Protein backbone atom coordinates (compact mmCIF):
# COMPACT_ATOMS: atom_id res chain seq x y z
CA MET A 1 0.00 0.00 0.00
CA LYS A 2 1.31 3.33 -0.97
CA GLN A 3 2.40 5.23 2.10
CA LYS A 4 0.96 8.69 2.05
CA LEU A 5 3.28 11.45 3.17
CA LEU A 6 2.10 13.30 6.22
CA LEU A 7 3.08 16.90 6.27
CA LEU A 8 3.02 18.41 9.73
CA VAL A 9 3.71 22.01 9.96
CA CYS A 10 4.07 23.80 13.28
CA PHE A 11 4.68 27.39 14.12
CA ILE A 12 8.45 26.92 14.17
CA ALA A 13 8.50 26.50 10.36
CA GLY A 14 10.37 29.28 8.61
CA ILE A 15 8.50 32.03 6.81
CA GLY A 16 10.27 31.31 3.52
CA PHE A 17 9.34 27.68 3.63
CA SER A 18 5.72 28.62 4.44
CA GLN A 19 5.43 30.91 1.47
CA ALA A 20 7.03 28.36 -0.83
CA GLN A 21 4.61 25.62 0.23
CA GLY A 22 1.47 27.78 0.34
CA LEU A 23 1.14 27.42 4.10
CA PRO A 24 -0.91 29.88 6.13
CA THR A 25 0.99 32.99 7.09
CA ASN A 26 1.35 34.10 10.69
CA PRO A 27 0.01 30.84 12.21
CA GLU A 28 -0.59 30.66 15.93
CA PRO A 29 1.85 28.61 17.99
CA GLY A 30 0.90 24.92 18.42
CA LYS A 31 -1.32 24.80 15.31
CA CYS A 32 -1.12 21.80 12.95
CA TYR A 33 -2.14 21.65 9.30
CA VAL A 34 -2.52 18.84 6.77
CA LYS A 35 -2.18 19.15 3.05
CA CYS A 36 -5.52 18.53 1.28
CA ILE A 37 -6.79 18.68 -2.26
CA THR A 38 -9.97 20.69 -2.67
CA LYS A 39 -12.94 18.76 -3.90
CA ASP A 40 -15.00 19.60 -6.95
CA GLU A 41 -17.97 21.82 -6.15
CA PHE A 42 -21.35 21.04 -7.64
CA LYS A 43 -24.69 22.79 -7.95
CA GLU A 44 -28.17 21.62 -8.73
CA VAL A 45 -30.11 22.86 -11.78
CA GLU A 46 -33.63 22.06 -12.85
CA GLU A 47 -34.39 20.94 -16.37
CA THR A 48 -37.64 19.95 -18.03
CA ILE A 49 -37.32 16.89 -20.22
CA GLN A 50 -39.74 14.97 -22.31
CA THR A 51 -40.24 11.64 -20.55
CA TYR A 52 -42.70 10.19 -23.02
CA PRO A 53 -43.27 11.26 -26.63
CA ALA A 54 -46.61 12.13 -28.12
CA TYR A 55 -48.05 9.22 -30.02
CA THR A 56 -51.17 7.94 -31.70
CA THR A 57 -53.15 4.95 -30.47
CA LEU A 58 -55.36 2.88 -32.65
CA GLN A 59 -58.43 1.21 -31.20
CA VAL A 60 -59.77 -1.68 -33.16
CA ILE A 61 -63.55 -1.84 -33.46
CA PRO A 62 -64.11 -5.51 -34.09
CA ALA A 63 -66.35 -6.80 -36.82
CA THR A 64 -69.92 -7.72 -35.97
CA TYR A 65 -71.67 -10.88 -37.04
CA LYS A 66 -75.18 -12.09 -37.73
CA THR A 67 -76.54 -15.61 -37.72
CA VAL A 68 -78.08 -17.16 -40.84
CA GLU A 69 -79.61 -20.58 -41.37
CA GLU A 70 -78.69 -22.77 -44.32
CA ARG A 71 -79.84 -26.20 -45.44
CA VAL A 72 -76.82 -28.31 -46.33
CA LEU A 73 -76.25 -31.75 -47.69
CA VAL A 74 -74.66 -33.97 -45.04
CA LYS A 75 -74.83 -37.25 -46.92
CA GLU A 76 -75.12 -37.76 -50.66
CA ALA A 77 -77.64 -40.13 -52.22
CA SER A 78 -76.20 -43.50 -53.03
CA LYS A 79 -76.99 -47.11 -53.70
CA LYS A 80 -76.22 -50.22 -51.81
CA PHE A 81 -76.15 -53.79 -52.94
CA VAL A 82 -77.56 -56.45 -50.66
CA TYR A 83 -76.36 -59.96 -51.22
CA VAL A 84 -79.14 -62.54 -51.11
CA PRO A 85 -77.57 -65.94 -50.65
CA ALA A 86 -78.70 -69.03 -52.53
CA THR A 87 -81.17 -71.48 -50.95
CA TYR A 88 -80.64 -75.21 -50.92
CA GLU A 89 -82.68 -78.42 -50.66
CA THR A 90 -81.56 -81.91 -49.73
CA VAL A 91 -82.03 -84.89 -52.10
CA ASP A 92 -81.07 -88.57 -51.90
CA VAL A 93 -78.59 -89.64 -54.53
CA PRO A 94 -78.27 -93.46 -55.12
CA TYR A 95 -74.89 -94.96 -55.77
CA VAL A 96 -73.36 -98.45 -56.05
CA LYS A 97 -71.78 -99.12 -52.73
CA GLN A 98 -70.24 -102.39 -54.01
CA GLU A 99 -70.20 -103.57 -57.62
CA ALA A 100 -71.44 -107.08 -58.69
CA ARG A 101 -68.82 -109.78 -59.14
CA THR A 102 -68.41 -113.49 -59.95
CA ASP A 103 -66.72 -115.66 -57.41
CA LEU A 104 -65.06 -119.05 -58.33
CA LYS A 105 -65.81 -122.16 -56.27
CA VAL A 106 -63.26 -124.97 -56.52
CA VAL A 107 -64.58 -128.49 -57.20
CA PRO A 108 -61.86 -130.82 -55.91
CA ALA A 109 -60.67 -133.87 -57.83
CA THR A 110 -62.33 -137.29 -57.14
CA PHE A 111 -60.50 -140.61 -56.82
CA GLY A 112 -61.28 -144.38 -57.13
CA ARG A 113 -59.61 -147.51 -55.71
CA ASP A 114 -58.07 -150.45 -57.71
CA SER A 115 -55.52 -153.24 -57.15
CA ARG A 116 -53.00 -155.21 -59.23
CA THR A 117 -51.03 -158.42 -58.69
CA PHE A 118 -47.32 -158.18 -59.21
CA GLU A 119 -44.77 -161.06 -59.42
CA ILE A 120 -42.31 -160.07 -56.89
CA TYR A 121 -39.98 -163.04 -57.31
CA PRO A 122 -39.85 -165.31 -60.41
CA LYS A 123 -40.17 -169.08 -60.53
CA THR A 124 -36.78 -170.80 -59.91
CA SER A 125 -35.20 -174.31 -59.98
CA GLY A 126 -31.77 -175.83 -59.37
CA TRP A 127 -29.58 -178.35 -57.59
CA GLU A 128 -29.28 -178.16 -53.90
CA TYR A 129 -26.73 -180.12 -51.85
CA LYS A 130 -27.63 -181.52 -48.54
CA VAL A 131 -25.39 -183.31 -45.98
CA LEU A 132 -26.96 -186.41 -44.73
CA GLU A 133 -27.28 -186.91 -41.03
CA ASP A 134 -25.72 -189.89 -39.35
CA CYS A 135 -23.02 -190.15 -42.04
CA PRO A 136 -20.73 -193.04 -41.10
CA SER A 137 -17.82 -191.59 -43.04
CA VAL A 138 -15.41 -189.27 -41.58
CA ASN A 139 -15.25 -187.39 -44.88
CA LYS A 140 -18.34 -185.31 -45.06
CA ASP A 141 -18.26 -185.20 -48.80
CA ASP A 142 -19.11 -188.89 -48.74
CA CYS A 143 -22.39 -188.06 -47.19
CA VAL A 144 -23.59 -185.31 -49.62
CA ALA A 145 -26.76 -185.76 -51.65
CA ALA A 146 -27.73 -183.70 -54.75
CA CYS A 147 -31.41 -182.82 -55.25
CA PHE A 148 -33.00 -180.91 -58.15
CA VAL A 149 -35.40 -178.49 -56.50
CA GLU A 150 -38.01 -176.15 -58.18
CA TYR A 151 -39.44 -173.11 -56.48
CA PRO A 152 -42.67 -171.39 -57.68
CA ALA A 153 -42.88 -167.71 -58.52
CA GLN A 154 -43.89 -165.26 -55.73
CA SER A 155 -46.71 -162.65 -56.29
CA LYS A 156 -48.16 -159.69 -54.34
CA ASP A 157 -51.38 -157.75 -54.66
CA VAL A 158 -50.80 -153.90 -54.64
CA SER A 159 -53.77 -151.53 -54.06
CA PHE A 160 -53.63 -148.00 -55.65
CA THR A 161 -55.83 -144.92 -56.09
CA THR A 162 -57.14 -143.92 -59.45
CA LEU A 163 -58.26 -140.33 -60.60
CA ALA A 164 -61.97 -140.35 -61.13
CA SER A 165 -62.27 -136.65 -62.07
CA ASP A 166 -59.76 -133.82 -61.94
CA ALA A 167 -60.23 -130.62 -59.92
CA SER A 168 -62.34 -127.86 -61.52
CA THR A 169 -64.11 -124.52 -60.66
CA ASN A 170 -67.69 -123.40 -60.70
CA SER A 171 -68.77 -119.71 -61.20
CA VAL A 172 -70.76 -118.19 -58.32
CA PRO A 173 -72.35 -114.77 -59.15
CA VAL A 174 -72.43 -112.10 -56.30
CA PRO A 175 -74.98 -109.29 -56.90
CA GLU A 176 -74.07 -105.55 -56.51
CA GLN A 177 -74.90 -103.52 -53.35
CA THR A 178 -76.57 -100.10 -53.65
CA THR A 179 -77.27 -97.25 -51.15
CA THR A 180 -77.90 -93.46 -51.15
CA TYR A 181 -76.22 -90.23 -49.84
CA LYS A 182 -77.64 -86.81 -48.99
CA LYS A 183 -76.86 -83.98 -51.37
CA ARG A 184 -77.71 -80.26 -50.96
CA VAL A 185 -78.62 -78.80 -54.33
CA ILE A 186 -79.39 -75.15 -55.20
CA LYS A 187 -83.04 -74.45 -55.04
CA THR A 188 -82.74 -70.69 -55.81
CA PRO A 189 -79.39 -69.20 -56.94
CA ALA A 190 -77.68 -66.31 -55.09
CA ARG A 191 -78.33 -62.76 -56.32
CA MET A 192 -77.51 -59.06 -55.60
CA ASP A 193 -80.44 -56.75 -54.85
CA GLU A 194 -79.82 -53.01 -55.55
CA ILE A 195 -81.31 -50.62 -52.96
CA GLU A 196 -81.53 -46.83 -53.36
CA ILE A 197 -80.29 -44.76 -50.35
CA PRO A 198 -81.68 -41.20 -50.38
CA ALA A 199 -79.56 -38.09 -49.63
CA GLU A 200 -79.59 -36.58 -46.10
CA TYR A 201 -79.85 -32.86 -45.29
CA THR A 202 -79.64 -30.73 -42.14
CA THR A 203 -80.05 -27.09 -41.24
CA ILE A 204 -76.96 -25.28 -39.93
CA LYS A 205 -76.49 -21.85 -38.40
CA ARG A 206 -73.58 -19.73 -39.66
CA ARG A 207 -72.18 -16.47 -38.32
CA VAL A 208 -71.44 -14.17 -41.22
CA VAL A 209 -69.82 -10.73 -41.13
CA ASP A 210 -72.44 -8.05 -40.72
CA THR A 211 -70.05 -5.07 -40.39
CA SER A 212 -66.29 -5.21 -41.08
CA ALA A 213 -63.65 -4.38 -38.46
CA ARG A 214 -62.34 -0.80 -38.36
CA THR A 215 -59.95 1.36 -36.30
CA GLU A 216 -60.42 4.60 -34.37
CA THR A 217 -57.42 6.94 -33.90
CA THR A 218 -56.62 8.72 -30.59
CA THR A 219 -53.69 11.14 -30.14
CA ILE A 220 -51.88 10.88 -26.77
CA PRO A 221 -49.96 14.07 -25.81
CA ALA A 222 -46.29 13.99 -24.80
CA GLN A 223 -45.34 13.76 -21.11
CA TYR A 224 -42.77 16.02 -19.46
CA GLN A 225 -40.93 15.96 -16.15
CA THR A 226 -38.80 18.48 -14.33
CA VAL A 227 -35.62 16.87 -13.01
CA THR A 228 -32.92 18.25 -10.77
CA ARG A 229 -29.41 17.65 -12.06
CA THR A 230 -26.15 18.07 -10.20
CA VAL A 231 -23.57 19.81 -12.38
CA LEU A 232 -19.96 20.83 -11.78
CA ASP A 233 -19.86 24.39 -10.56
CA LYS A 234 -16.21 24.75 -9.57
CA LYS A 235 -13.36 22.42 -10.43
CA GLY A 236 -11.42 21.19 -7.42
CA GLY A 237 -7.89 19.81 -7.30
CA ILE A 238 -6.32 22.85 -5.63
CA THR A 239 -3.86 22.10 -2.86
CA THR A 240 -4.89 23.64 0.46
CA TRP A 241 -3.82 23.33 4.06
CA GLU A 242 -6.47 22.53 6.62
CA GLU A 243 -6.02 23.00 10.33
CA VAL A 244 -6.46 19.83 12.38
CA ASP A 245 -6.09 18.89 16.00
CA CYS A 246 -2.49 17.88 16.43
CA GLU A 247 -3.56 14.89 18.46
CA LEU A 248 -5.33 13.46 15.41
CA LEU A 249 -2.03 13.11 13.57
CA ASN A 250 -0.96 10.37 15.96
CA PRO A 251 -2.74 7.00 16.30
CA ASN A 252 -5.89 7.46 18.35
CA VAL A 253 -7.69 4.48 19.85
CA LEU A 254 -11.18 4.11 18.45
CA PRO A 255 -13.36 2.28 21.00
CA VAL A 256 -14.73 -0.22 18.50
CA PHE A 257 -15.33 -3.72 19.84
CA TYR A 258 -15.89 -6.92 17.89
CA GLU A 259 -17.32 -10.31 18.71
CA LEU A 260 -14.78 -13.09 19.34
CA GLY A 261 -13.07 -14.11 16.08
CA SER A 262 -15.40 -11.85 14.04
CA ALA A 263 -14.97 -8.67 11.99
CA ARG A 264 -18.66 -7.72 12.09
CA LEU A 265 -19.41 -4.30 13.60
CA THR A 266 -21.83 -4.25 16.50
CA SER A 267 -24.55 -1.60 16.78
CA SER A 268 -22.62 0.14 19.59
CA SER A 269 -19.44 0.18 17.42
CA LYS A 270 -21.37 1.78 14.55
CA LYS A 271 -22.62 4.50 16.94
CA THR A 272 -19.03 5.16 18.01
CA ILE A 273 -17.99 5.62 14.37
CA ASP A 274 -21.00 7.90 13.74
CA ASP A 275 -20.06 10.10 16.73
CA THR A 276 -16.27 10.12 16.24
CA LEU A 277 -15.21 9.77 12.60
CA LEU A 278 -18.25 10.68 10.51
CA PRO A 279 -18.49 14.37 11.65
CA MET A 280 -14.75 14.93 11.09
CA LEU A 281 -14.85 13.43 7.58
CA SER A 282 -18.05 15.27 6.63
CA ASP A 283 -16.80 18.71 7.73
CA SER A 284 -13.35 18.60 6.10
CA ASN A 285 -11.40 17.12 3.21
CA VAL A 286 -8.91 15.22 5.34
CA SER A 287 -8.12 11.56 4.80
CA ILE A 288 -7.71 9.03 7.60
CA GLU A 289 -6.07 5.67 8.11
CA ILE A 290 -7.83 2.89 10.06
CA MET A 291 -5.42 0.53 11.87
CA SER A 292 -6.57 -2.68 13.61
CA HIS A 293 -4.53 -4.91 15.96
CA THR A 294 -4.98 -8.24 17.78
CA ASP A 295 -3.41 -9.77 20.89
CA SER A 296 -0.77 -12.49 20.63
CA ARG A 297 -3.09 -15.41 21.28
CA GLY A 298 -3.94 -17.59 18.30
CA ASN A 299 -2.24 -18.25 14.97
CA ASP A 300 -0.10 -15.36 13.66
CA ASP A 301 -1.42 -15.58 10.10
CA PHE A 302 -5.03 -15.77 11.33
CA ASN A 303 -4.52 -12.70 13.54
CA MET A 304 -3.06 -10.75 10.59
CA SER A 305 -6.03 -11.65 8.38
CA LEU A 306 -8.57 -10.93 11.14
CA SER A 307 -7.10 -7.49 11.87
CA GLN A 308 -7.24 -6.56 8.16
CA GLN A 309 -10.88 -7.69 7.95
CA ARG A 310 -11.76 -5.57 10.99
CA ALA A 311 -10.09 -2.47 9.50
CA ASN A 312 -11.95 -3.12 6.23
CA SER A 313 -15.28 -3.34 8.06
CA VAL A 314 -14.81 0.20 9.43
CA VAL A 315 -13.88 1.56 5.99
CA ASN A 316 -16.86 -0.20 4.36
CA TYR A 317 -19.21 1.24 6.95
CA LEU A 318 -17.95 4.79 6.32
CA VAL A 319 -18.33 4.31 2.56
CA SER A 320 -21.94 3.22 3.15
CA LYS A 321 -22.43 6.58 4.91
CA GLY A 322 -21.29 8.52 1.81
CA ILE A 323 -17.57 8.99 2.51
CA SER A 324 -15.38 8.52 -0.57
CA ARG A 325 -13.27 5.36 -0.37
CA SER A 326 -10.31 7.33 -1.79
CA ARG A 327 -10.10 9.23 1.54
CA LEU A 328 -9.92 6.02 3.61
CA THR A 329 -7.08 3.55 4.17
CA ALA A 330 -7.46 0.21 6.02
CA ARG A 331 -4.44 -1.61 7.47
CA GLY A 332 -4.29 -4.68 9.67
CA PHE A 333 -1.19 -5.27 11.80
CA GLY A 334 -2.19 -8.49 13.55
CA GLU A 335 -0.04 -8.96 16.66
CA THR A 336 3.02 -7.11 15.27
CA ARG A 337 2.48 -3.90 17.31
CA LEU A 338 1.81 -5.03 20.86
CA THR A 339 1.60 -2.26 23.48
CA ASN A 340 2.97 -4.41 26.31
CA ARG A 341 5.05 -7.51 26.97
CA CYS A 342 2.23 -9.98 26.24
CA SER A 343 3.83 -11.72 23.23
CA ASN A 344 3.58 -15.40 22.31
CA GLY A 345 4.13 -17.70 25.30
CA VAL A 346 4.00 -14.92 27.90
CA GLU A 347 1.31 -15.38 30.55
CA CYS A 348 -0.80 -12.22 30.86
CA SER A 349 -4.16 -11.24 32.31
CA GLU A 350 -7.24 -10.69 30.19
CA ALA A 351 -7.00 -6.93 30.80
CA GLN A 352 -3.42 -6.92 29.49
CA HIS A 353 -4.45 -8.79 26.35
CA GLN A 354 -7.39 -6.41 25.93
CA ARG A 355 -5.03 -3.42 25.60
CA ASN A 356 -3.52 -5.04 22.49
CA ARG A 357 -6.92 -5.74 20.86
CA ARG A 358 -7.50 -2.22 19.58
CA THR A 359 -8.57 -0.22 16.52
CA GLU A 360 -6.86 3.15 15.89
CA PHE A 361 -7.22 5.99 13.43
CA ARG A 362 -5.04 8.95 12.43
CA VAL A 363 -5.31 11.82 9.98
CA ILE A 364 -3.04 11.63 6.95
CA SER A 365 -2.44 14.05 4.06
CA ASN A 366 -4.53 13.75 0.97
């Protein structure tokens, strides 16, 4: 923050220096002055301005209607075709359920019996030798006799079957079988009958324009208002010296109290500012510096931030009362400017810590 130079001039200043700097001549002993820049001076003037121009309004007179009746066709005449289905009757229709045929009956063969005599062994004859019994000779051959023997033929009767008639077939006729089935036959064929459908009408009501819409013109006069304007009457910016109480050039404690850990101004603190700073700033062009401090308890960075916020709250309150922010400076010093020995780690009473929790102000040059 730019440090503003405070110019303190006391009676001991030389006359040549006073004239060179534009200081008051022949000041009384013990007087103090600060260098200020005169403010612009303004005046109020009245001026009548047109706040609303004259204009023309148009009022629309709507059209009027009348009701008329009209007979309209709602359904055209037409024809329809009605299908009349065919009618049927049931008749019996004969048919051959099974055709006639001729079956064949087998007549088996017939047989007879007969016999025949067969010679199964022929008639034979020949010599046969026979040894006599009680032959006295030891040689058997001496006792052999030869006989000529004849045997008759042998026969056998053999019965056999004879074919009387061979197998044959006889024809057996089988007559056909007939029956009937039901059949539906057309009695009257299907047809299409044509039917005339007449047209349909109804009566409707219609609103028709009786008189057309039109407009009527009305002229509205202009509106004027007299306003008060603030205009520059005298340009400021001239360096002047204003007398101030010498005590105000040094830091002065401002009895402004805050809630614990807060920068919000209480109602009693605002009244203190209204009674102390506001009259001085309203009656002169001086600028002031607001300086806030904390005790050593708590975090150093937090204390620095809190003190700056508290100084800002005083400046913001003065600005809300109409004081130009350019005439106000806010600075927070945290716990860097203790008024006693109560630094970090030093045990002190609450009253001793209270002396460090302070807000100060001093007049500075503009």
